[in-house]
Amino acid sequence: MQDEWQEAIELFNKADYWECHEVLEPLWLAAEGLDKSFYSGVILLAAALHKARVMQSSRGGRRNYAKALHHLALIPDQFGQTDVRELEARVHQALRDFGYRPLFPVKPSTTIK
């Protein structure tokens, strides 16, 4: 699980949002409770960026972003090593400014809990 999480962060930081989504999906399927909501939110943020940037659908990007916020509203500001509110803000900025590439706000050696 830890290896997949690290891989997902690296893919996100390389702007490979679809692959990030794909790597996180098995983690999401196996998760429960807050972990499941967290993974759902991160998957939807990656999907929002993929839709907006790769598929050039700003509407689809905004829609997935709104869904992500719904899931992440359940998560504390700091979840494991992830600054959840900062992640939301960075993706929001990236959806408004295509010149901005968001990096995942997490310390290098991270764990979910």
PDB file of N, CA and C in Angstrom:
ATOM      1  N   MET A   1       0.822  -1.196   0.000  1.00  0.00           N
ATOM      2  CA  MET A   1       0.000   0.000   0.000  1.00  0.00           C
ATOM      3  C   MET A   1       0.864   1.259   0.000  1.00  0.00           C
ATOM      4  N   GLN A   2       1.904   1.268   0.801  1.00  0.00           N
ATOM      5  CA  GLN A   2       2.788   2.432   0.889  1.00  0.00           C
ATOM      6  C   GLN A   2       3.467   2.710  -0.453  1.00  0.00           C
ATOM      7  N   ASP A   3       3.890   1.653  -1.146  1.00  0.00           N
ATOM      8  CA  ASP A   3       4.541   1.831  -2.443  1.00  0.00           C
ATOM      9  C   ASP A   3       3.591   2.456  -3.460  1.00  0.00           C
ATOM     10  N   GLU A   4       2.345   1.996  -3.462  1.00  0.00           N
ATOM     11  CA  GLU A   4       1.361   2.539  -4.394  1.00  0.00           C
ATOM     12  C   GLU A   4       1.075   4.012  -4.084  1.00  0.00           C
ATOM     13  N   TRP A   5       0.985   4.335  -2.800  1.00  0.00           N
ATOM     14  CA  TRP A   5       0.740   5.724  -2.400  1.00  0.00           C
ATOM     15  C   TRP A   5       1.878   6.617  -2.883  1.00  0.00           C
ATOM     16  N   GLN A   6       3.118   6.195  -2.663  1.00  0.00           N
ATOM     17  CA  GLN A   6       4.284   6.973  -3.115  1.00  0.00           C
ATOM     18  C   GLN A   6       4.270   7.131  -4.632  1.00  0.00           C
ATOM     19  N   GLU A   7       3.937   6.045  -5.335  1.00  0.00           N
ATOM     20  CA  GLU A   7       3.868   6.099  -6.796  1.00  0.00           C
ATOM     21  C   GLU A   7       2.802   7.091  -7.247  1.00  0.00           C
ATOM     22  N   ALA A   8       1.658   7.083  -6.582  1.00  0.00           N
ATOM     23  CA  ALA A   8       0.579   8.008  -6.938  1.00  0.00           C
ATOM     24  C   ALA A   8       1.018   9.458  -6.761  1.00  0.00           C
ATOM     25  N   ILE A   9       1.720   9.757  -5.673  1.00  0.00           N
ATOM     26  CA  ILE A   9       2.214  11.117  -5.442  1.00  0.00           C
ATOM     27  C   ILE A   9       3.198  11.513  -6.537  1.00  0.00           C
ATOM     28  N   GLU A  10       4.102  10.609  -6.883  1.00  0.00           N
ATOM     29  CA  GLU A  10       5.078  10.899  -7.943  1.00  0.00           C
ATOM     30  C   GLU A  10       4.379  11.151  -9.274  1.00  0.00           C
ATOM     31  N   LEU A  11       3.379  10.349  -9.594  1.00  0.00           N
ATOM     32  CA  LEU A  11       2.638  10.541 -10.845  1.00  0.00           C
ATOM     33  C   LEU A  11       1.895  11.876 -10.839  1.00  0.00           C
ATOM     34  N   PHE A  12       1.284  12.228  -9.726  1.00  0.00           N
ATOM     35  CA  PHE A  12       0.602  13.516  -9.601  1.00  0.00           C
ATOM     36  C   PHE A  12       1.595  14.645  -9.855  1.00  0.00           C
ATOM     37  N   ASN A  13       2.759  14.555  -9.227  1.00  0.00           N
ATOM     38  CA  ASN A  13       3.767  15.612  -9.359  1.00  0.00           C
ATOM     39  C   ASN A  13       4.357  15.693 -10.764  1.00  0.00           C
ATOM     40  N   LYS A  14       4.256  14.617 -11.530  1.00  0.00           N
ATOM     41  CA  LYS A  14       4.713  14.613 -12.930  1.00  0.00           C
ATOM     42  C   LYS A  14       3.588  15.020 -13.882  1.00  0.00           C
ATOM     43  N   ALA A  15       2.449  15.397 -13.326  1.00  0.00           N
ATOM     44  CA  ALA A  15       1.262  15.786 -14.101  1.00  0.00           C
ATOM     45  C   ALA A  15       0.691  14.614 -14.893  1.00  0.00           C
ATOM     46  N   ASP A  16       0.918  13.399 -14.428  1.00  0.00           N
ATOM     47  CA  ASP A  16       0.341  12.206 -15.042  1.00  0.00           C
ATOM     48  C   ASP A  16      -0.890  11.825 -14.218  1.00  0.00           C
ATOM     49  N   TYR A  17      -1.914  12.655 -14.348  1.00  0.00           N
ATOM     50  CA  TYR A  17      -3.075  12.571 -13.474  1.00  0.00           C
ATOM     51  C   TYR A  17      -3.901  11.306 -13.687  1.00  0.00           C
ATOM     52  N   TRP A  18      -4.013  10.861 -14.930  1.00  0.00           N
ATOM     53  CA  TRP A  18      -4.797   9.651 -15.171  1.00  0.00           C
ATOM     54  C   TRP A  18      -4.130   8.439 -14.529  1.00  0.00           C
ATOM     55  N   GLU A  19      -2.818   8.310 -14.685  1.00  0.00           N
ATOM     56  CA  GLU A  19      -2.112   7.184 -14.068  1.00  0.00           C
ATOM     57  C   GLU A  19      -2.169   7.273 -12.544  1.00  0.00           C
ATOM     58  N   CYS A  20      -2.099   8.469 -11.999  1.00  0.00           N
ATOM     59  CA  CYS A  20      -2.253   8.655 -10.552  1.00  0.00           C
ATOM     60  C   CYS A  20      -3.596   8.086 -10.108  1.00  0.00           C
ATOM     61  N   HIS A  21      -4.630   8.437 -10.831  1.00  0.00           N
ATOM     62  CA  HIS A  21      -5.978   7.928 -10.566  1.00  0.00           C
ATOM     63  C   HIS A  21      -5.992   6.405 -10.615  1.00  0.00           C
ATOM     64  N   GLU A  22      -5.366   5.821 -11.626  1.00  0.00           N
ATOM     65  CA  GLU A  22      -5.351   4.367 -11.787  1.00  0.00           C
ATOM     66  C   GLU A  22      -4.629   3.670 -10.637  1.00  0.00           C
ATOM     67  N   VAL A  23      -3.521   4.232 -10.180  1.00  0.00           N
ATOM     68  CA  VAL A  23      -2.752   3.638  -9.080  1.00  0.00           C
ATOM     69  C   VAL A  23      -3.542   3.717  -7.770  1.00  0.00           C
ATOM     70  N   LEU A  24      -4.287   4.792  -7.582  1.00  0.00           N
ATOM     71  CA  LEU A  24      -5.037   4.969  -6.337  1.00  0.00           C
ATOM     72  C   LEU A  24      -6.313   4.136  -6.268  1.00  0.00           C
ATOM     73  N   GLU A  25      -6.842   3.759  -7.400  1.00  0.00           N
ATOM     74  CA  GLU A  25      -8.132   3.068  -7.396  1.00  0.00           C
ATOM     75  C   GLU A  25      -8.143   1.789  -6.550  1.00  0.00           C
ATOM     76  N   PRO A  26      -7.153   0.895  -6.651  1.00  0.00           N
ATOM     77  CA  PRO A  26      -7.176  -0.297  -5.784  1.00  0.00           C
ATOM     78  C   PRO A  26      -7.078   0.052  -4.293  1.00  0.00           C
ATOM     79  N   LEU A  27      -6.346   1.106  -3.961  1.00  0.00           N
ATOM     80  CA  LEU A  27      -6.263   1.535  -2.561  1.00  0.00           C
ATOM     81  C   LEU A  27      -7.626   2.011  -2.076  1.00  0.00           C
ATOM     82  N   TRP A  28      -8.303   2.767  -2.927  1.00  0.00           N
ATOM     83  CA  TRP A  28      -9.638   3.262  -2.603  1.00  0.00           C
ATOM     84  C   TRP A  28     -10.617   2.100  -2.413  1.00  0.00           C
ATOM     85  N   LEU A  29     -10.559   1.108  -3.308  1.00  0.00           N
ATOM     86  CA  LEU A  29     -11.475  -0.030  -3.215  1.00  0.00           C
ATOM     87  C   LEU A  29     -11.294  -0.812  -1.917  1.00  0.00           C
ATOM     88  N   ALA A  30     -10.065  -0.887  -1.426  1.00  0.00           N
ATOM     89  CA  ALA A  30      -9.773  -1.645  -0.205  1.00  0.00           C
ATOM     90  C   ALA A  30      -9.969  -0.826   1.071  1.00  0.00           C
ATOM     91  N   ALA A  31     -10.100   0.475   0.939  1.00  0.00           N
ATOM     92  CA  ALA A  31     -10.144   1.364   2.111  1.00  0.00           C
ATOM     93  C   ALA A  31     -11.538   1.427   2.727  1.00  0.00           C
ATOM     94  N   GLU A  32     -11.558   1.921   3.960  1.00  0.00           N
ATOM     95  CA  GLU A  32     -12.814   2.148   4.679  1.00  0.00           C
ATOM     96  C   GLU A  32     -12.739   3.491   5.400  1.00  0.00           C
ATOM     97  N   GLY A  33     -13.893   4.010   5.777  1.00  0.00           N
ATOM     98  CA  GLY A  33     -13.953   5.204   6.610  1.00  0.00           C
ATOM     99  C   GLY A  33     -13.282   6.420   5.996  1.00  0.00           C
ATOM    100  N   LEU A  34     -12.515   7.130   6.832  1.00  0.00           N
ATOM    101  CA  LEU A  34     -11.841   8.350   6.377  1.00  0.00           C
ATOM    102  C   LEU A  34     -10.830   8.071   5.273  1.00  0.00           C
ATOM    103  N   ASP A  35     -10.153   6.925   5.338  1.00  0.00           N
ATOM    104  CA  ASP A  35      -9.208   6.587   4.270  1.00  0.00           C
ATOM    105  C   ASP A  35      -9.921   6.537   2.922  1.00  0.00           C
ATOM    106  N   LYS A  36     -11.101   5.925   2.892  1.00  0.00           N
ATOM    107  CA  LYS A  36     -11.860   5.817   1.644  1.00  0.00           C
ATOM    108  C   LYS A  36     -12.259   7.210   1.138  1.00  0.00           C
ATOM    109  N   SER A  37     -12.725   8.066   2.042  1.00  0.00           N
ATOM    110  CA  SER A  37     -13.092   9.433   1.642  1.00  0.00           C
ATOM    111  C   SER A  37     -11.879  10.200   1.137  1.00  0.00           C
ATOM    112  N   PHE A  38     -10.742  10.015   1.792  1.00  0.00           N
ATOM    113  CA  PHE A  38      -9.513  10.688   1.373  1.00  0.00           C
ATOM    114  C   PHE A  38      -9.107  10.243  -0.027  1.00  0.00           C
ATOM    115  N   TYR A  39      -9.042   8.931  -0.239  1.00  0.00           N
ATOM    116  CA  TYR A  39      -8.674   8.426  -1.565  1.00  0.00           C
ATOM    117  C   TYR A  39      -9.671   8.883  -2.625  1.00  0.00           C
ATOM    118  N   SER A  40     -10.964   8.858  -2.302  1.00  0.00           N
ATOM    119  CA  SER A  40     -11.980   9.332  -3.252  1.00  0.00           C
ATOM    120  C   SER A  40     -11.701  10.771  -3.661  1.00  0.00           C
ATOM    121  N   GLY A  41     -11.428  11.605  -2.668  1.00  0.00           N
ATOM    122  CA  GLY A  41     -11.148  13.006  -2.952  1.00  0.00           C
ATOM    123  C   GLY A  41      -9.917  13.203  -3.805  1.00  0.00           C
ATOM    124  N   VAL A  42      -8.847  12.496  -3.491  1.00  0.00           N
ATOM    125  CA  VAL A  42      -7.603  12.642  -4.259  1.00  0.00           C
ATOM    126  C   VAL A  42      -7.793  12.117  -5.682  1.00  0.00           C
ATOM    127  N   ILE A  43      -8.483  10.991  -5.829  1.00  0.00           N
ATOM    128  CA  ILE A  43      -8.768  10.457  -7.168  1.00  0.00           C
ATOM    129  C   ILE A  43      -9.551  11.482  -7.981  1.00  0.00           C
ATOM    130  N   LEU A  44     -10.549  12.094  -7.371  1.00  0.00           N
ATOM    131  CA  LEU A  44     -11.357  13.084  -8.086  1.00  0.00           C
ATOM    132  C   LEU A  44     -10.567  14.350  -8.409  1.00  0.00           C
ATOM    133  N   LEU A  45      -9.632  14.741  -7.547  1.00  0.00           N
ATOM    134  CA  LEU A  45      -8.770  15.888  -7.871  1.00  0.00           C
ATOM    135  C   LEU A  45      -7.898  15.569  -9.079  1.00  0.00           C
ATOM    136  N   ALA A  46      -7.336  14.362  -9.098  1.00  0.00           N
ATOM    137  CA  ALA A  46      -6.522  13.952 -10.249  1.00  0.00           C
ATOM    138  C   ALA A  46      -7.384  13.904 -11.508  1.00  0.00           C
ATOM    139  N   ALA A  47      -8.598  13.384 -11.380  1.00  0.00           N
ATOM    140  CA  ALA A  47      -9.508  13.327 -12.526  1.00  0.00           C
ATOM    141  C   ALA A  47      -9.887  14.730 -12.997  1.00  0.00           C
ATOM    142  N   ALA A  48     -10.060  15.656 -12.066  1.00  0.00           N
ATOM    143  CA  ALA A  48     -10.387  17.041 -12.435  1.00  0.00           C
ATOM    144  C   ALA A  48      -9.275  17.649 -13.279  1.00  0.00           C
ATOM    145  N   LEU A  49      -8.047  17.442 -12.850  1.00  0.00           N
ATOM    146  CA  LEU A  49      -6.916  17.984 -13.608  1.00  0.00           C
ATOM    147  C   LEU A  49      -6.778  17.295 -14.960  1.00  0.00           C
ATOM    148  N   HIS A  50      -7.010  15.993 -15.007  1.00  0.00           N
ATOM    149  CA  HIS A  50      -6.944  15.264 -16.279  1.00  0.00           C
ATOM    150  C   HIS A  50      -8.006  15.785 -17.247  1.00  0.00           C
ATOM    151  N   LYS A  51      -9.231  15.917 -16.752  1.00  0.00           N
ATOM    152  CA  LYS A  51     -10.315  16.411 -17.617  1.00  0.00           C
ATOM    153  C   LYS A  51     -10.010  17.811 -18.141  1.00  0.00           C
ATOM    154  N   ALA A  52      -9.582  18.691 -17.243  1.00  0.00           N
ATOM    155  CA  ALA A  52      -9.363  20.084 -17.629  1.00  0.00           C
ATOM    156  C   ALA A  52      -8.166  20.237 -18.555  1.00  0.00           C
ATOM    157  N   ARG A  53      -7.094  19.533 -18.266  1.00  0.00           N
ATOM    158  CA  ARG A  53      -5.848  19.773 -18.992  1.00  0.00           C
ATOM    159  C   ARG A  53      -5.651  18.864 -20.191  1.00  0.00           C
ATOM    160  N   VAL A  54      -5.942  17.600 -20.046  1.00  0.00           N
ATOM    161  CA  VAL A  54      -5.702  16.658 -21.137  1.00  0.00           C
ATOM    162  C   VAL A  54      -6.901  16.617 -22.080  1.00  0.00           C
ATOM    163  N   MET A  55      -8.080  16.526 -21.506  1.00  0.00           N
ATOM    164  CA  MET A  55      -9.286  16.429 -22.323  1.00  0.00           C
ATOM    165  C   MET A  55      -9.851  17.802 -22.683  1.00  0.00           C
ATOM    166  N   GLN A  56      -9.261  18.843 -22.146  1.00  0.00           N
ATOM    167  CA  GLN A  56      -9.660  20.227 -22.401  1.00  0.00           C
ATOM    168  C   GLN A  56     -11.143  20.465 -22.116  1.00  0.00           C
ATOM    169  N   SER A  57     -11.589  19.906 -21.002  1.00  0.00           N
ATOM    170  CA  SER A  57     -12.970  20.082 -20.560  1.00  0.00           C
ATOM    171  C   SER A  57     -12.956  20.795 -19.210  1.00  0.00           C
ATOM    172  N   SER A  58     -12.981  22.122 -19.259  1.00  0.00           N
ATOM    173  CA  SER A  58     -12.951  22.863 -17.998  1.00  0.00           C
ATOM    174  C   SER A  58     -14.206  22.572 -17.179  1.00  0.00           C
ATOM    175  N   ARG A  59     -15.318  22.357 -17.846  1.00  0.00           N
ATOM    176  CA  ARG A  59     -16.561  22.030 -17.134  1.00  0.00           C
ATOM    177  C   ARG A  59     -16.422  20.696 -16.396  1.00  0.00           C
ATOM    178  N   GLY A  60     -15.886  19.682 -17.071  1.00  0.00           N
ATOM    179  CA  GLY A  60     -15.668  18.386 -16.437  1.00  0.00           C
ATOM    180  C   GLY A  60     -14.684  18.488 -15.283  1.00  0.00           C
ATOM    181  N   GLY A  61     -13.658  19.311 -15.459  1.00  0.00           N
ATOM    182  CA  GLY A  61     -12.689  19.524 -14.392  1.00  0.00           C
ATOM    183  C   GLY A  61     -13.330  20.152 -13.171  1.00  0.00           C
ATOM    184  N   ARG A  62     -14.138  21.169 -13.391  1.00  0.00           N
ATOM    185  CA  ARG A  62     -14.820  21.834 -12.271  1.00  0.00           C
ATOM    186  C   ARG A  62     -15.800  20.889 -11.573  1.00  0.00           C
ATOM    187  N   ARG A  63     -16.474  20.076 -12.358  1.00  0.00           N
ATOM    188  CA  ARG A  63     -17.437  19.135 -11.784  1.00  0.00           C
ATOM    189  C   ARG A  63     -16.731  18.109 -10.885  1.00  0.00           C
ATOM    190  N   ASN A  64     -15.619  17.547 -11.356  1.00  0.00           N
ATOM    191  CA  ASN A  64     -14.874  16.590 -10.535  1.00  0.00           C
ATOM    192  C   ASN A  64     -14.262  17.267  -9.314  1.00  0.00           C
ATOM    193  N   TYR A  65     -13.826  18.507  -9.471  1.00  0.00           N
ATOM    194  CA  TYR A  65     -13.272  19.253  -8.338  1.00  0.00           C
ATOM    195  C   TYR A  65     -14.341  19.415  -7.249  1.00  0.00           C
ATOM    196  N   ALA A  66     -15.557  19.771  -7.650  1.00  0.00           N
ATOM    197  CA  ALA A  66     -16.647  19.937  -6.679  1.00  0.00           C
ATOM    198  C   ALA A  66     -16.947  18.618  -5.968  1.00  0.00           C
ATOM    199  N   LYS A  67     -16.942  17.516  -6.707  1.00  0.00           N
ATOM    200  CA  LYS A  67     -17.159  16.200  -6.088  1.00  0.00           C
ATOM    201  C   LYS A  67     -16.040  15.884  -5.103  1.00  0.00           C
ATOM    202  N   ALA A  68     -14.811  16.210  -5.474  1.00  0.00           N
ATOM    203  CA  ALA A  68     -13.660  15.958  -4.594  1.00  0.00           C
ATOM    204  C   ALA A  68     -13.812  16.721  -3.286  1.00  0.00           C
ATOM    205  N   LEU A  69     -14.230  17.977  -3.369  1.00  0.00           N
ATOM    206  CA  LEU A  69     -14.399  18.782  -2.157  1.00  0.00           C
ATOM    207  C   LEU A  69     -15.434  18.172  -1.222  1.00  0.00           C
ATOM    208  N   HIS A  70     -16.458  17.569  -1.796  1.00  0.00           N
ATOM    209  CA  HIS A  70     -17.486  16.909  -0.990  1.00  0.00           C
ATOM    210  C   HIS A  70     -16.860  15.780  -0.153  1.00  0.00           C
ATOM    211  N   HIS A  71     -16.010  14.974  -0.757  1.00  0.00           N
ATOM    212  CA  HIS A  71     -15.341  13.882  -0.037  1.00  0.00           C
ATOM    213  C   HIS A  71     -14.312  14.420   0.955  1.00  0.00           C
ATOM    214  N   LEU A  72     -13.545  15.403   0.539  1.00  0.00           N
ATOM    215  CA  LEU A  72     -12.459  15.910   1.383  1.00  0.00           C
ATOM    216  C   LEU A  72     -12.963  16.763   2.543  1.00  0.00           C
ATOM    217  N   ALA A  73     -14.208  17.214   2.478  1.00  0.00           N
ATOM    218  CA  ALA A  73     -14.781  17.977   3.595  1.00  0.00           C
ATOM    219  C   ALA A  73     -14.838  17.130   4.867  1.00  0.00           C
ATOM    220  N   LEU A  74     -14.858  15.824   4.708  1.00  0.00           N
ATOM    221  CA  LEU A  74     -14.903  14.903   5.849  1.00  0.00           C
ATOM    222  C   LEU A  74     -13.534  14.696   6.488  1.00  0.00           C
ATOM    223  N   ILE A  75     -12.483  15.122   5.796  1.00  0.00           N
ATOM    224  CA  ILE A  75     -11.107  14.833   6.196  1.00  0.00           C
ATOM    225  C   ILE A  75     -10.541  16.015   6.984  1.00  0.00           C
ATOM    226  N   PRO A  76      -9.785  15.739   8.059  1.00  0.00           N
ATOM    227  CA  PRO A  76      -9.126  16.837   8.785  1.00  0.00           C
ATOM    228  C   PRO A  76      -8.162  17.599   7.868  1.00  0.00           C
ATOM    229  N   ASP A  77      -7.847  18.826   8.252  1.00  0.00           N
ATOM    230  CA  ASP A  77      -6.934  19.650   7.445  1.00  0.00           C
ATOM    231  C   ASP A  77      -5.618  18.932   7.176  1.00  0.00           C
ATOM    232  N   GLN A  78      -5.123  18.243   8.159  1.00  0.00           N
ATOM    233  CA  GLN A  78      -3.881  17.473   8.031  1.00  0.00           C
ATOM    234  C   GLN A  78      -4.258  16.003   8.152  1.00  0.00           C
ATOM    235  N   PHE A  79      -4.015  15.231   7.100  1.00  0.00           N
ATOM    236  CA  PHE A  79      -4.341  13.805   7.114  1.00  0.00           C
ATOM    237  C   PHE A  79      -3.072  13.035   6.822  1.00  0.00           C
ATOM    238  N   GLY A  80      -2.555  12.374   7.836  1.00  0.00           N
ATOM    239  CA  GLY A  80      -1.235  11.774   7.682  1.00  0.00           C
ATOM    240  C   GLY A  80      -0.247  12.898   7.450  1.00  0.00           C
ATOM    241  N   GLN A  81       0.513  12.798   6.401  1.00  0.00           N
ATOM    242  CA  GLN A  81       1.495  13.826   6.051  1.00  0.00           C
ATOM    243  C   GLN A  81       0.965  14.815   5.012  1.00  0.00           C
ATOM    244  N   THR A  82      -0.294  14.670   4.622  1.00  0.00           N
ATOM    245  CA  THR A  82      -0.869  15.500   3.565  1.00  0.00           C
ATOM    246  C   THR A  82      -1.603  16.702   4.140  1.00  0.00           C
ATOM    247  N   ASP A  83      -1.287  17.883   3.626  1.00  0.00           N
ATOM    248  CA  ASP A  83      -2.025  19.105   3.943  1.00  0.00           C
ATOM    249  C   ASP A  83      -3.206  19.165   2.971  1.00  0.00           C
ATOM    250  N   VAL A  84      -4.343  18.685   3.424  1.00  0.00           N
ATOM    251  CA  VAL A  84      -5.503  18.503   2.559  1.00  0.00           C
ATOM    252  C   VAL A  84      -6.012  19.830   2.005  1.00  0.00           C
ATOM    253  N   ARG A  85      -6.115  20.859   2.839  1.00  0.00           N
ATOM    254  CA  ARG A  85      -6.617  22.156   2.358  1.00  0.00           C
ATOM    255  C   ARG A  85      -5.658  22.771   1.338  1.00  0.00           C
ATOM    256  N   GLU A  86      -4.355  22.585   1.539  1.00  0.00           N
ATOM    257  CA  GLU A  86      -3.373  23.096   0.574  1.00  0.00           C
ATOM    258  C   GLU A  86      -3.510  22.355  -0.755  1.00  0.00           C
ATOM    259  N   LEU A  87      -3.738  21.055  -0.705  1.00  0.00           N
ATOM    260  CA  LEU A  87      -3.947  20.277  -1.926  1.00  0.00           C
ATOM    261  C   LEU A  87      -5.162  20.799  -2.679  1.00  0.00           C
ATOM    262  N   GLU A  88      -6.258  21.025  -1.971  1.00  0.00           N
ATOM    263  CA  GLU A  88      -7.462  21.581  -2.604  1.00  0.00           C
ATOM    264  C   GLU A  88      -7.152  22.923  -3.268  1.00  0.00           C
ATOM    265  N   ALA A  89      -6.445  23.787  -2.553  1.00  0.00           N
ATOM    266  CA  ALA A  89      -6.123  25.122  -3.075  1.00  0.00           C
ATOM    267  C   ALA A  89      -5.233  25.042  -4.310  1.00  0.00           C
ATOM    268  N   ARG A  90      -4.264  24.149  -4.298  1.00  0.00           N
ATOM    269  CA  ARG A  90      -3.355  24.022  -5.442  1.00  0.00           C
ATOM    270  C   ARG A  90      -4.092  23.527  -6.684  1.00  0.00           C
ATOM    271  N   VAL A  91      -4.978  22.559  -6.502  1.00  0.00           N
ATOM    272  CA  VAL A  91      -5.739  22.066  -7.655  1.00  0.00           C
ATOM    273  C   VAL A  91      -6.685  23.158  -8.150  1.00  0.00           C
ATOM    274  N   HIS A  92      -7.303  23.885  -7.237  1.00  0.00           N
ATOM    275  CA  HIS A  92      -8.188  24.987  -7.634  1.00  0.00           C
ATOM    276  C   HIS A  92      -7.423  26.010  -8.470  1.00  0.00           C
ATOM    277  N   GLN A  93      -6.226  26.372  -8.023  1.00  0.00           N
ATOM    278  CA  GLN A  93      -5.407  27.319  -8.784  1.00  0.00           C
ATOM    279  C   GLN A  93      -5.048  26.748 -10.153  1.00  0.00           C
ATOM    280  N   ALA A  94      -4.716  25.461 -10.198  1.00  0.00           N
ATOM    281  CA  ALA A  94      -4.334  24.834 -11.468  1.00  0.00           C
ATOM    282  C   ALA A  94      -5.499  24.793 -12.451  1.00  0.00           C
ATOM    283  N   LEU A  95      -6.710  24.697 -11.954  1.00  0.00           N
ATOM    284  CA  LEU A  95      -7.875  24.705 -12.838  1.00  0.00           C
ATOM    285  C   LEU A  95      -8.140  26.093 -13.406  1.00  0.00           C
ATOM    286  N   ARG A  96      -7.691  27.125 -12.704  1.00  0.00           N
ATOM    287  CA  ARG A  96      -7.855  28.507 -13.181  1.00  0.00           C
ATOM    288  C   ARG A  96      -6.683  28.959 -14.039  1.00  0.00           C
ATOM    289  N   ASP A  97      -5.500  28.435 -13.760  1.00  0.00           N
ATOM    290  CA  ASP A  97      -4.267  28.896 -14.407  1.00  0.00           C
ATOM    291  C   ASP A  97      -3.507  27.696 -14.957  1.00  0.00           C
ATOM    292  N   PHE A  98      -3.630  27.453 -16.252  1.00  0.00           N
ATOM    293  CA  PHE A  98      -3.008  26.271 -16.851  1.00  0.00           C
ATOM    294  C   PHE A  98      -1.487  26.356 -16.885  1.00  0.00           C
ATOM    295  N   GLY A  99      -0.927  27.517 -16.592  1.00  0.00           N
ATOM    296  CA  GLY A  99       0.526  27.651 -16.507  1.00  0.00           C
ATOM    297  C   GLY A  99       1.074  27.170 -15.170  1.00  0.00           C
ATOM    298  N   TYR A 100       0.183  26.960 -14.208  1.00  0.00           N
ATOM    299  CA  TYR A 100       0.575  26.527 -12.864  1.00  0.00           C
ATOM    300  C   TYR A 100       0.459  25.011 -12.775  1.00  0.00           C
ATOM    301  N   ARG A 101       1.536  24.361 -12.338  1.00  0.00           N
ATOM    302  CA  ARG A 101       1.503  22.910 -12.156  1.00  0.00           C
ATOM    303  C   ARG A 101       1.576  22.598 -10.669  1.00  0.00           C
ATOM    304  N   PRO A 102       0.500  22.066 -10.102  1.00  0.00           N
ATOM    305  CA  PRO A 102       0.481  21.813  -8.662  1.00  0.00           C
ATOM    306  C   PRO A 102       1.341  20.616  -8.274  1.00  0.00           C
ATOM    307  N   LEU A 103       1.997  20.723  -7.135  1.00  0.00           N
ATOM    308  CA  LEU A 103       2.711  19.595  -6.547  1.00  0.00           C
ATOM    309  C   LEU A 103       1.931  19.135  -5.324  1.00  0.00           C
ATOM    310  N   PHE A 104       1.990  17.859  -5.058  1.00  0.00           N
ATOM    311  CA  PHE A 104       1.259  17.275  -3.938  1.00  0.00           C
ATOM    312  C   PHE A 104       1.894  17.734  -2.636  1.00  0.00           C
ATOM    313  N   PRO A 105       1.151  18.394  -1.748  1.00  0.00           N
ATOM    314  CA  PRO A 105       1.726  18.939  -0.510  1.00  0.00           C
ATOM    315  C   PRO A 105       1.885  17.866   0.574  1.00  0.00           C
ATOM    316  N   VAL A 106       2.955  17.106   0.453  1.00  0.00           N
ATOM    317  CA  VAL A 106       3.191  16.007   1.376  1.00  0.00           C
ATOM    318  C   VAL A 106       4.684  15.880   1.608  1.00  0.00           C
ATOM    319  N   LYS A 107       5.043  15.474   2.795  1.00  0.00           N
ATOM    320  CA  LYS A 107       6.455  15.254   3.094  1.00  0.00           C
ATOM    321  C   LYS A 107       6.934  14.016   2.343  1.00  0.00           C
ATOM    322  N   PRO A 108       8.207  13.948   1.943  1.00  0.00           N
ATOM    323  CA  PRO A 108       8.704  12.845   1.110  1.00  0.00           C
ATOM    324  C   PRO A 108       8.408  11.441   1.634  1.00  0.00           C
ATOM    325  N   SER A 109       8.645  11.170   2.894  1.00  0.00           N
ATOM    326  CA  SER A 109       8.314   9.833   3.393  1.00  0.00           C
ATOM    327  C   SER A 109       6.989   9.932   4.114  1.00  0.00           C
ATOM    328  N   THR A 110       5.949   9.516   3.432  1.00  0.00           N
ATOM    329  CA  THR A 110       4.599   9.728   3.931  1.00  0.00           C
ATOM    330  C   THR A 110       3.898   8.420   4.259  1.00  0.00           C
ATOM    331  N   THR A 111       2.972   8.515   5.163  1.00  0.00           N
ATOM    332  CA  THR A 111       2.051   7.420   5.440  1.00  0.00           C
ATOM    333  C   THR A 111       0.661   8.011   5.524  1.00  0.00           C
ATOM    334  N   ILE A 112      -0.321   7.201   5.275  1.00  0.00           N
ATOM    335  CA  ILE A 112      -1.701   7.682   5.331  1.00  0.00           C
ATOM    336  C   ILE A 112      -2.072   8.013   6.766  1.00  0.00           C
ATOM    337  N   LYS A 113      -1.670   7.186   7.705  1.00  0.00           N
ATOM    338  CA  LYS A 113      -2.048   7.433   9.105  1.00  0.00           C
ATOM    339  C   LYS A 113      -0.829   7.681   9.931  1.00  0.00           C
TER     340      LYS A 113
END
